[in-house]
Amino acid sequence: MTAKAKIRVAVAGAGMVTRHHLLAWRKLPQVSVVALCARHVENARARAAAFGVPSAYGDVAERG
């Protein structure tokens, strides 16, 4: 992996534990969280907005 390459991560879930995962991922400079997916898309959107994650989905199939 080159110095500029980032690992792109999508997180499944938007509950309480996800908050801790996002805090941990945020500390890794080589990682970029690019999406959240949750059964209730409004929860995914809210958590994504709180952590600056650019995309949120209600179903993993939405991303294609």
N, C-alpha and C. Protein backbone atom coordinates (compact mmCIF):
# COMPACT_ATOMS: atom_id res chain seq x y z
N MET A 1 0.85 -1.18 0.00
CA MET A 1 0.00 0.00 0.00
C MET A 1 0.89 1.24 0.00
N THR A 2 0.55 2.19 -0.83
CA THR A 2 1.33 3.42 -0.87
C THR A 2 0.97 4.31 0.31
N ALA A 3 1.79 5.30 0.54
CA ALA A 3 1.56 6.21 1.66
C ALA A 3 0.24 6.97 1.53
N LYS A 4 -0.21 7.20 0.29
CA LYS A 4 -1.43 7.96 0.08
C LYS A 4 -2.69 7.10 0.04
N ALA A 5 -2.55 5.80 -0.12
CA ALA A 5 -3.72 4.92 -0.21
C ALA A 5 -4.41 4.80 1.14
N LYS A 6 -5.73 4.82 1.12
CA LYS A 6 -6.50 4.65 2.35
C LYS A 6 -7.37 3.41 2.25
N ILE A 7 -7.58 2.80 3.36
CA ILE A 7 -8.51 1.67 3.44
C ILE A 7 -9.90 2.27 3.62
N ARG A 8 -10.79 1.93 2.71
CA ARG A 8 -12.16 2.44 2.77
C ARG A 8 -13.03 1.43 3.52
N VAL A 9 -13.73 1.90 4.54
CA VAL A 9 -14.51 1.04 5.42
C VAL A 9 -15.97 1.44 5.39
N ALA A 10 -16.84 0.43 5.35
CA ALA A 10 -18.28 0.64 5.52
C ALA A 10 -18.67 -0.10 6.80
N VAL A 11 -19.48 0.53 7.62
CA VAL A 11 -19.86 -0.03 8.91
C VAL A 11 -21.33 -0.43 8.87
N ALA A 12 -21.61 -1.65 9.29
CA ALA A 12 -22.99 -2.14 9.38
C ALA A 12 -23.50 -1.88 10.79
N GLY A 13 -24.62 -1.17 10.86
CA GLY A 13 -25.23 -0.85 12.14
C GLY A 13 -25.05 0.61 12.49
N ALA A 14 -25.97 1.13 13.29
CA ALA A 14 -25.89 2.52 13.71
C ALA A 14 -26.29 2.68 15.17
N GLY A 15 -26.12 1.62 15.92
CA GLY A 15 -26.48 1.64 17.33
C GLY A 15 -25.35 2.16 18.21
N MET A 16 -25.49 1.93 19.48
CA MET A 16 -24.56 2.45 20.47
C MET A 16 -23.13 1.95 20.26
N VAL A 17 -22.97 0.68 19.95
CA VAL A 17 -21.62 0.12 19.76
C VAL A 17 -20.94 0.75 18.55
N THR A 18 -21.73 1.08 17.54
CA THR A 18 -21.17 1.70 16.34
C THR A 18 -20.44 2.99 16.67
N ARG A 19 -20.93 3.72 17.63
CA ARG A 19 -20.26 4.96 18.06
C ARG A 19 -18.82 4.68 18.46
N HIS A 20 -18.62 3.62 19.22
CA HIS A 20 -17.28 3.26 19.68
C HIS A 20 -16.40 2.81 18.52
N HIS A 21 -16.99 2.06 17.59
CA HIS A 21 -16.23 1.64 16.41
C HIS A 21 -15.78 2.85 15.60
N LEU A 22 -16.69 3.80 15.40
CA LEU A 22 -16.35 4.98 14.62
C LEU A 22 -15.28 5.83 15.32
N LEU A 23 -15.34 5.92 16.61
CA LEU A 23 -14.31 6.65 17.35
C LEU A 23 -12.94 5.98 17.15
N ALA A 24 -12.92 4.66 17.15
CA ALA A 24 -11.67 3.92 16.96
C ALA A 24 -11.16 4.06 15.53
N TRP A 25 -12.05 3.90 14.53
CA TRP A 25 -11.63 4.04 13.13
C TRP A 25 -11.08 5.43 12.87
N ARG A 26 -11.66 6.42 13.50
CA ARG A 26 -11.24 7.82 13.30
C ARG A 26 -9.78 8.04 13.71
N LYS A 27 -9.28 7.26 14.62
CA LYS A 27 -7.90 7.42 15.10
C LYS A 27 -6.86 6.85 14.14
N LEU A 28 -7.29 6.09 13.15
CA LEU A 28 -6.36 5.45 12.23
C LEU A 28 -6.23 6.28 10.95
N PRO A 29 -5.10 6.92 10.73
CA PRO A 29 -4.97 7.81 9.58
C PRO A 29 -5.06 7.11 8.23
N GLN A 30 -4.81 5.81 8.20
CA GLN A 30 -4.86 5.09 6.94
C GLN A 30 -6.27 4.59 6.59
N VAL A 31 -7.25 4.90 7.45
CA VAL A 31 -8.63 4.43 7.26
C VAL A 31 -9.57 5.59 7.00
N SER A 32 -10.50 5.37 6.08
CA SER A 32 -11.56 6.33 5.80
C SER A 32 -12.90 5.60 5.85
N VAL A 33 -13.76 5.97 6.78
CA VAL A 33 -15.10 5.37 6.85
C VAL A 33 -15.95 6.10 5.81
N VAL A 34 -16.44 5.35 4.83
CA VAL A 34 -17.13 5.96 3.70
C VAL A 34 -18.64 5.74 3.71
N ALA A 35 -19.12 4.80 4.54
CA ALA A 35 -20.57 4.54 4.55
C ALA A 35 -21.00 3.85 5.84
N LEU A 36 -22.25 4.09 6.18
CA LEU A 36 -22.92 3.36 7.26
C LEU A 36 -24.17 2.73 6.69
N CYS A 37 -24.52 1.57 7.20
CA CYS A 37 -25.73 0.90 6.77
C CYS A 37 -26.46 0.40 8.01
N ALA A 38 -27.75 0.67 8.09
CA ALA A 38 -28.55 0.22 9.23
C ALA A 38 -29.96 -0.12 8.74
N ARG A 39 -30.60 -1.00 9.44
CA ARG A 39 -31.96 -1.42 9.09
C ARG A 39 -32.89 -0.22 8.96
N HIS A 40 -32.71 0.76 9.83
CA HIS A 40 -33.51 1.99 9.78
C HIS A 40 -32.60 3.09 9.25
N VAL A 41 -32.82 3.45 7.98
CA VAL A 41 -31.92 4.37 7.30
C VAL A 41 -31.81 5.72 8.02
N GLU A 42 -32.86 6.13 8.71
CA GLU A 42 -32.77 7.41 9.43
C GLU A 42 -31.73 7.34 10.55
N ASN A 43 -31.56 6.17 11.17
CA ASN A 43 -30.51 6.00 12.19
C ASN A 43 -29.13 6.06 11.54
N ALA A 44 -29.00 5.43 10.39
CA ALA A 44 -27.72 5.46 9.67
C ALA A 44 -27.38 6.89 9.26
N ARG A 45 -28.36 7.62 8.78
CA ARG A 45 -28.11 9.01 8.36
C ARG A 45 -27.70 9.89 9.54
N ALA A 46 -28.36 9.71 10.66
CA ALA A 46 -28.04 10.52 11.85
C ALA A 46 -26.63 10.22 12.35
N ARG A 47 -26.28 8.95 12.42
CA ARG A 47 -24.95 8.58 12.90
C ARG A 47 -23.88 9.04 11.90
N ALA A 48 -24.17 8.89 10.61
CA ALA A 48 -23.23 9.34 9.58
C ALA A 48 -23.00 10.85 9.69
N ALA A 49 -24.06 11.60 9.87
CA ALA A 49 -23.93 13.05 9.99
C ALA A 49 -23.10 13.42 11.22
N ALA A 50 -23.31 12.72 12.32
CA ALA A 50 -22.58 13.02 13.55
C ALA A 50 -21.08 12.76 13.43
N PHE A 51 -20.71 11.83 12.55
CA PHE A 51 -19.30 11.45 12.43
C PHE A 51 -18.68 11.84 11.09
N GLY A 52 -19.40 12.58 10.28
CA GLY A 52 -18.84 13.03 9.02
C GLY A 52 -18.66 11.93 7.99
N VAL A 53 -19.48 10.90 8.09
CA VAL A 53 -19.43 9.80 7.12
C VAL A 53 -20.29 10.22 5.92
N PRO A 54 -19.75 10.15 4.71
CA PRO A 54 -20.45 10.73 3.56
C PRO A 54 -21.70 10.01 3.07
N SER A 55 -21.85 8.72 3.35
CA SER A 55 -23.00 7.97 2.81
C SER A 55 -23.67 7.14 3.89
N ALA A 56 -24.99 7.00 3.76
CA ALA A 56 -25.76 6.17 4.69
C ALA A 56 -26.83 5.42 3.90
N TYR A 57 -27.03 4.17 4.26
CA TYR A 57 -27.97 3.29 3.55
C TYR A 57 -28.83 2.51 4.53
N GLY A 58 -29.98 2.09 4.04
CA GLY A 58 -30.86 1.25 4.83
C GLY A 58 -30.75 -0.21 4.48
N ASP A 59 -29.97 -0.51 3.44
CA ASP A 59 -29.82 -1.89 2.97
C ASP A 59 -28.48 -1.97 2.25
N VAL A 60 -27.71 -3.00 2.51
CA VAL A 60 -26.40 -3.13 1.85
C VAL A 60 -26.54 -3.26 0.34
N ALA A 61 -27.67 -3.72 -0.14
CA ALA A 61 -27.90 -3.87 -1.57
C ALA A 61 -28.08 -2.52 -2.27
N GLU A 62 -28.38 -1.47 -1.53
CA GLU A 62 -28.57 -0.14 -2.13
C GLU A 62 -27.30 0.36 -2.82
N ARG A 63 -26.16 0.03 -2.29
CA ARG A 63 -24.90 0.54 -2.82
C ARG A 63 -24.56 -0.10 -4.15
N GLY A 64 -24.96 -1.35 -4.32
CA GLY A 64 -24.70 -2.04 -5.58
C GLY A 64 -23.34 -2.44 -5.69
